[in-house]
N, C-alpha and C. Protein backbone atom coordinates (compact mmCIF):
# COMPACT_ATOMS: atom_id res chain seq x y z
N UNK A 1 100.54 82.80 96.21
CA UNK A 1 100.00 82.46 96.85
C UNK A 1 100.22 83.88 97.95
N UNK A 2 98.60 84.29 98.35
CA UNK A 2 98.45 85.20 99.23
C UNK A 2 97.82 84.81 100.18
N UNK A 3 97.74 85.74 101.23
CA UNK A 3 97.34 85.16 102.79
C UNK A 3 96.14 84.61 102.75
N UNK A 4 95.06 85.57 102.08
CA UNK A 4 93.60 85.02 102.42
C UNK A 4 93.60 83.96 101.49
N UNK A 5 94.07 83.74 100.35
CA UNK A 5 93.92 82.18 99.57
C UNK A 5 94.18 80.90 100.62
N UNK A 6 95.44 81.41 101.21
CA UNK A 6 96.25 80.16 101.85
C UNK A 6 94.65 79.78 103.10
N UNK A 7 94.50 81.26 103.44
CA UNK A 7 93.76 80.87 104.61
C UNK A 7 92.16 80.05 103.78
N UNK A 8 91.71 80.18 102.87
CA UNK A 8 90.51 79.58 102.32
C UNK A 8 90.82 78.22 102.14
N UNK A 9 91.63 78.20 101.39
CA UNK A 9 92.03 76.51 101.23
C UNK A 9 92.42 75.55 101.98
N UNK A 10 93.33 76.28 103.40
CA UNK A 10 93.53 75.24 104.75
C UNK A 10 91.94 75.32 105.10
N UNK A 11 91.23 76.44 105.22
CA UNK A 11 90.26 75.95 106.21
C UNK A 11 88.56 74.62 105.36
N UNK A 12 89.67 74.71 103.96
CA UNK A 12 88.42 73.44 103.98
C UNK A 12 88.78 71.99 104.10
N UNK A 13 89.99 72.06 105.16
CA UNK A 13 90.68 70.97 105.30
C UNK A 13 90.12 71.07 106.63
N UNK A 14 90.03 72.01 107.61
CA UNK A 14 89.69 72.07 109.53
C UNK A 14 88.55 71.41 109.93
N UNK A 15 88.73 70.59 110.63
CA UNK A 15 87.73 69.53 111.12
C UNK A 15 87.63 69.34 112.30
N UNK A 16 87.43 70.31 113.19
CA UNK A 16 86.68 70.16 114.72
C UNK A 16 85.55 70.87 114.98
N UNK A 17 85.37 70.57 116.38
CA UNK A 17 84.01 70.68 116.69
C UNK A 17 84.01 72.36 117.92
N UNK A 18 84.99 72.35 118.50
CA UNK A 18 85.38 73.45 119.29
C UNK A 18 86.31 73.97 119.04
N UNK A 19 86.10 75.51 119.01
CA UNK A 19 87.03 76.78 118.43
C UNK A 19 88.08 76.49 119.42
N UNK A 20 88.51 76.07 120.33
CA UNK A 20 89.77 75.72 121.62
C UNK A 20 90.55 74.76 120.94
N UNK A 21 89.97 73.83 120.14
CA UNK A 21 91.19 73.08 119.14
C UNK A 21 92.24 74.13 118.76
N UNK A 22 92.05 74.70 118.01
CA UNK A 22 93.13 75.38 117.62
C UNK A 22 94.04 76.18 118.11
N UNK A 23 93.48 76.96 119.11
CA UNK A 23 93.91 77.39 120.26
C UNK A 23 95.40 77.00 121.13
N UNK A 24 94.84 75.69 121.46
CA UNK A 24 95.52 74.77 121.81
C UNK A 24 96.85 74.06 121.23
N UNK A 25 96.33 74.29 120.40
CA UNK A 25 96.96 73.05 119.23
C UNK A 25 98.27 74.31 118.11
N UNK A 26 98.10 75.32 118.59
CA UNK A 26 99.02 76.57 118.04
C UNK A 26 99.67 76.88 119.02
N UNK A 27 99.73 76.61 120.37
CA UNK A 27 100.34 76.66 121.23
C UNK A 27 101.70 75.44 121.04
N UNK A 28 100.76 74.44 120.82
CA UNK A 28 101.48 73.39 120.83
C UNK A 28 102.74 73.43 119.62
N UNK A 29 102.07 73.94 118.21
CA UNK A 29 102.59 73.79 117.03
C UNK A 29 103.55 74.92 117.19
N UNK A 30 103.78 75.81 117.76
CA UNK A 30 104.68 77.09 118.07
C UNK A 30 106.00 76.72 118.93
N UNK A 31 105.37 75.71 120.22
CA UNK A 31 106.77 74.91 120.87
C UNK A 31 107.66 74.01 119.89
N UNK A 32 107.11 73.37 119.48
CA UNK A 32 107.73 72.36 118.43
C UNK A 32 108.38 73.13 117.43
N UNK A 33 107.48 74.28 116.67
CA UNK A 33 109.10 74.93 115.85
C UNK A 33 109.57 75.86 116.94
N UNK A 34 109.67 76.51 117.88
CA UNK A 34 110.85 77.01 118.53
C UNK A 34 111.79 75.71 119.02
N UNK A 35 111.18 74.42 119.40
CA UNK A 35 112.15 73.92 120.23
C UNK A 35 113.21 73.13 118.59
N UNK A 36 112.75 73.27 117.62
CA UNK A 36 114.09 73.28 116.56
C UNK A 36 115.69 73.77 117.44
N UNK A 37 115.23 75.13 117.30
CA UNK A 37 116.28 76.21 117.51
C UNK A 37 116.93 76.12 118.97
N UNK A 38 115.62 75.83 119.81
CA UNK A 38 115.26 76.07 120.98
C UNK A 38 116.59 74.60 121.72
N UNK A 39 116.83 73.55 121.51
CA UNK A 39 117.33 72.50 122.38
C UNK A 39 118.65 72.53 121.88
N UNK A 40 118.59 72.48 119.95
CA UNK A 40 120.37 72.77 120.38
C UNK A 40 121.28 74.08 121.03
N UNK A 41 120.37 74.80 120.74
CA UNK A 41 121.38 76.08 121.88
C UNK A 41 120.79 76.18 122.89
N UNK A 42 120.82 74.93 124.21
CA UNK A 42 120.26 75.35 125.30
C UNK A 42 121.56 73.56 125.29
N UNK A 43 121.49 72.60 124.61
CA UNK A 43 122.26 71.68 125.07
C UNK A 43 124.03 71.91 124.47
N UNK A 44 124.04 73.23 123.47
CA UNK A 44 125.54 73.77 123.10
C UNK A 44 125.71 72.67 121.66
N UNK A 45 125.08 72.37 120.96
CA UNK A 45 125.09 71.27 120.00
C UNK A 45 125.25 72.36 118.52
N UNK A 46 126.52 71.74 117.95
CA UNK A 46 126.84 72.56 116.83
C UNK A 46 125.91 71.75 115.56
N UNK A 47 125.04 72.25 115.45
CA UNK A 47 123.62 71.83 114.20
C UNK A 47 123.29 72.21 113.60
N UNK A 48 123.08 71.84 112.45
CA UNK A 48 122.77 72.76 111.20
C UNK A 48 121.04 72.85 111.33
N UNK A 49 120.81 73.85 111.39
CA UNK A 49 119.12 73.59 111.84
C UNK A 49 118.43 73.27 110.12
N UNK A 50 117.66 72.22 110.02
CA UNK A 50 117.51 71.80 108.97
C UNK A 50 115.66 72.31 108.83
N UNK A 51 115.68 73.21 107.53
CA UNK A 51 114.99 73.89 106.79
C UNK A 51 113.51 73.26 107.24
N UNK A 52 114.04 71.58 106.35
CA UNK A 52 112.50 71.38 105.92
C UNK A 52 111.76 70.84 107.40
N UNK A 53 112.33 70.91 108.46
CA UNK A 53 111.49 71.03 109.68
C UNK A 53 110.91 72.07 109.87
N UNK A 54 111.65 73.31 110.10
CA UNK A 54 110.97 74.56 109.92
C UNK A 54 109.50 74.68 108.98
N UNK A 55 110.00 74.79 107.63
CA UNK A 55 108.78 74.69 106.87
C UNK A 55 107.80 73.93 107.40
N UNK A 56 107.89 72.61 107.83
CA UNK A 56 106.96 71.87 108.35
C UNK A 56 105.78 72.65 109.94
N UNK A 57 106.69 72.60 110.51
CA UNK A 57 106.36 73.14 111.48
C UNK A 57 105.89 74.84 111.26
N UNK A 58 106.88 75.33 110.73
CA UNK A 58 105.72 76.76 110.59
C UNK A 58 104.86 77.02 109.95
N UNK A 59 104.64 75.99 109.44
CA UNK A 59 103.46 75.96 107.95
C UNK A 59 102.42 75.43 108.82
N UNK A 60 102.69 74.32 110.09
CA UNK A 60 101.54 73.85 111.44
C UNK A 60 100.74 75.08 111.89
N UNK A 61 102.26 75.34 112.66
CA UNK A 61 101.85 77.22 113.44
C UNK A 61 100.90 78.24 112.01
N UNK A 62 101.27 78.33 110.85
CA UNK A 62 100.22 79.45 110.12
C UNK A 62 99.07 78.51 109.77
N UNK A 63 99.01 77.31 110.06
CA UNK A 63 97.59 76.80 109.65
C UNK A 63 96.74 76.88 110.92
N UNK A 64 96.91 76.72 112.51
CA UNK A 64 96.46 77.21 113.61
C UNK A 64 96.26 78.60 113.19
N UNK A 65 96.98 79.45 113.11
CA UNK A 65 96.51 80.64 113.30
C UNK A 65 95.20 81.56 112.44
N UNK A 66 95.93 80.53 111.08
CA UNK A 66 94.89 80.52 110.31
C UNK A 66 93.02 80.47 110.00
N UNK A 67 93.52 79.26 111.33
CA UNK A 67 91.85 78.75 111.47
C UNK A 67 91.30 79.49 113.02
N UNK A 68 92.14 79.95 113.98
CA UNK A 68 91.80 81.18 114.89
C UNK A 68 91.24 82.06 114.28
N UNK A 69 92.13 82.41 113.50
CA UNK A 69 90.80 84.25 112.68
C UNK A 69 89.92 83.57 111.96
N UNK A 70 90.01 82.89 111.40
CA UNK A 70 89.15 82.24 110.41
C UNK A 70 87.52 82.11 111.30
N UNK A 71 88.14 81.37 112.70
CA UNK A 71 86.53 80.78 113.56
C UNK A 71 86.52 82.68 114.02
N UNK A 72 87.30 83.96 114.44
CA UNK A 72 86.85 85.19 114.63
C UNK A 72 86.59 85.95 113.64
N UNK A 73 86.34 85.66 112.33
CA UNK A 73 85.99 86.23 111.18
C UNK A 73 87.10 87.24 110.46
N UNK A 74 88.00 87.10 111.08
CA UNK A 74 89.23 87.86 110.74
C UNK A 74 90.51 87.22 109.69
N UNK A 75 90.69 87.90 108.34
CA UNK A 75 92.09 87.44 107.56
C UNK A 75 93.14 87.66 107.99
N UNK A 76 93.54 87.10 107.29
CA UNK A 76 95.69 86.77 107.26
C UNK A 76 95.52 87.87 106.57
N UNK A 77 95.45 88.58 105.72
CA UNK A 77 95.69 89.57 105.49
C UNK A 77 95.58 90.92 105.93
N UNK A 78 94.63 90.87 106.77
CA UNK A 78 94.28 91.81 107.43
C UNK A 78 94.90 91.74 109.30
N UNK A 79 95.44 90.52 109.42
CA UNK A 79 96.86 90.38 110.63
C UNK A 79 97.45 90.95 110.22
N UNK A 80 98.50 90.55 109.11
CA UNK A 80 99.28 90.63 108.13
C UNK A 80 99.36 92.83 108.17
N UNK A 81 98.30 93.15 107.22
CA UNK A 81 98.12 94.33 107.28
C UNK A 81 98.34 95.03 108.59
N UNK A 82 97.34 94.93 109.70
CA UNK A 82 97.83 95.42 111.02
C UNK A 82 98.53 95.23 111.63
N UNK A 83 99.61 94.25 111.46
CA UNK A 83 100.64 93.95 112.30
C UNK A 83 101.91 95.14 111.84
N UNK A 84 102.03 95.34 110.17
CA UNK A 84 103.15 96.15 109.93
C UNK A 84 102.81 97.46 110.18
N UNK A 85 101.13 97.99 110.21
CA UNK A 85 100.91 98.98 110.75
C UNK A 85 101.68 99.77 111.81
N UNK A 86 101.26 98.47 113.29
CA UNK A 86 101.63 98.89 114.54
C UNK A 86 102.96 99.08 114.76
N UNK A 87 103.85 97.12 113.93
CA UNK A 87 105.18 97.18 114.17
C UNK A 87 106.13 99.05 113.69
N UNK A 88 105.37 99.71 112.30
CA UNK A 88 105.55 100.58 111.81
C UNK A 88 105.70 102.03 112.33
N UNK A 89 104.05 102.10 113.49
CA UNK A 89 104.09 102.76 114.46
C UNK A 89 105.35 102.86 115.33
N UNK A 90 105.16 101.70 115.75
CA UNK A 90 106.16 101.49 116.73
C UNK A 90 107.92 102.50 116.54
N UNK A 91 108.28 101.68 115.26
CA UNK A 91 109.16 102.42 114.71
C UNK A 91 109.55 104.07 114.80
N UNK A 92 108.59 104.44 114.28
CA UNK A 92 108.28 106.42 114.60
C UNK A 92 108.56 106.29 115.47
N UNK A 93 107.57 106.12 116.52
CA UNK A 93 107.61 106.56 118.01
C UNK A 93 109.25 105.67 118.68
N UNK A 94 110.07 105.26 118.10
CA UNK A 94 110.77 104.70 119.03
C UNK A 94 111.35 103.98 120.32
N UNK A 95 110.09 103.19 119.47
CA UNK A 95 109.76 102.43 120.80
C UNK A 95 109.27 100.70 120.51
N UNK A 96 109.93 100.24 119.52
CA UNK A 96 110.49 98.67 118.76
C UNK A 96 110.73 98.33 119.21
N UNK A 97 111.87 98.55 120.63
CA UNK A 97 112.68 97.61 121.32
C UNK A 97 111.95 97.97 122.99
N UNK A 98 110.88 98.21 122.92
CA UNK A 98 110.37 98.70 124.13
C UNK A 98 109.77 97.30 124.61
N UNK A 99 109.37 96.93 125.91
CA UNK A 99 108.85 95.97 126.34
C UNK A 99 106.82 96.30 126.16
N UNK A 100 106.40 94.95 126.07
CA UNK A 100 105.07 94.56 126.48
C UNK A 100 104.26 95.24 124.73
N UNK A 101 103.19 95.07 124.90
CA UNK A 101 102.31 95.08 123.71
C UNK A 101 101.47 96.44 123.45
N UNK A 102 101.47 97.36 124.92
CA UNK A 102 100.74 98.55 124.87
C UNK A 102 101.69 99.96 124.91
N UNK A 103 102.80 100.00 123.64
CA UNK A 103 103.60 101.26 123.79
C UNK A 103 103.59 101.60 122.66
């Protein structure tokens, strides 16, 4: 499945009236994904990361990103293409490890 196919299928199930919903939800879902890694690290737990949890939370992040982009008239394929172009340009210019978005 490519990103655009995923986005089309996912948006068939999107039920919300306010376009702020997926924006707020993306922050929550991203936090839940990060939490899988952060809490064990901060507590010093020697736990194996549950890949099923990662798949579930990463999917929720992808879903909300797909919704935000769909609401903006942007395809996920376009996001992926743009991002690869951007990071490859940073590599070429030697600023891949730089700080900030405008490098």
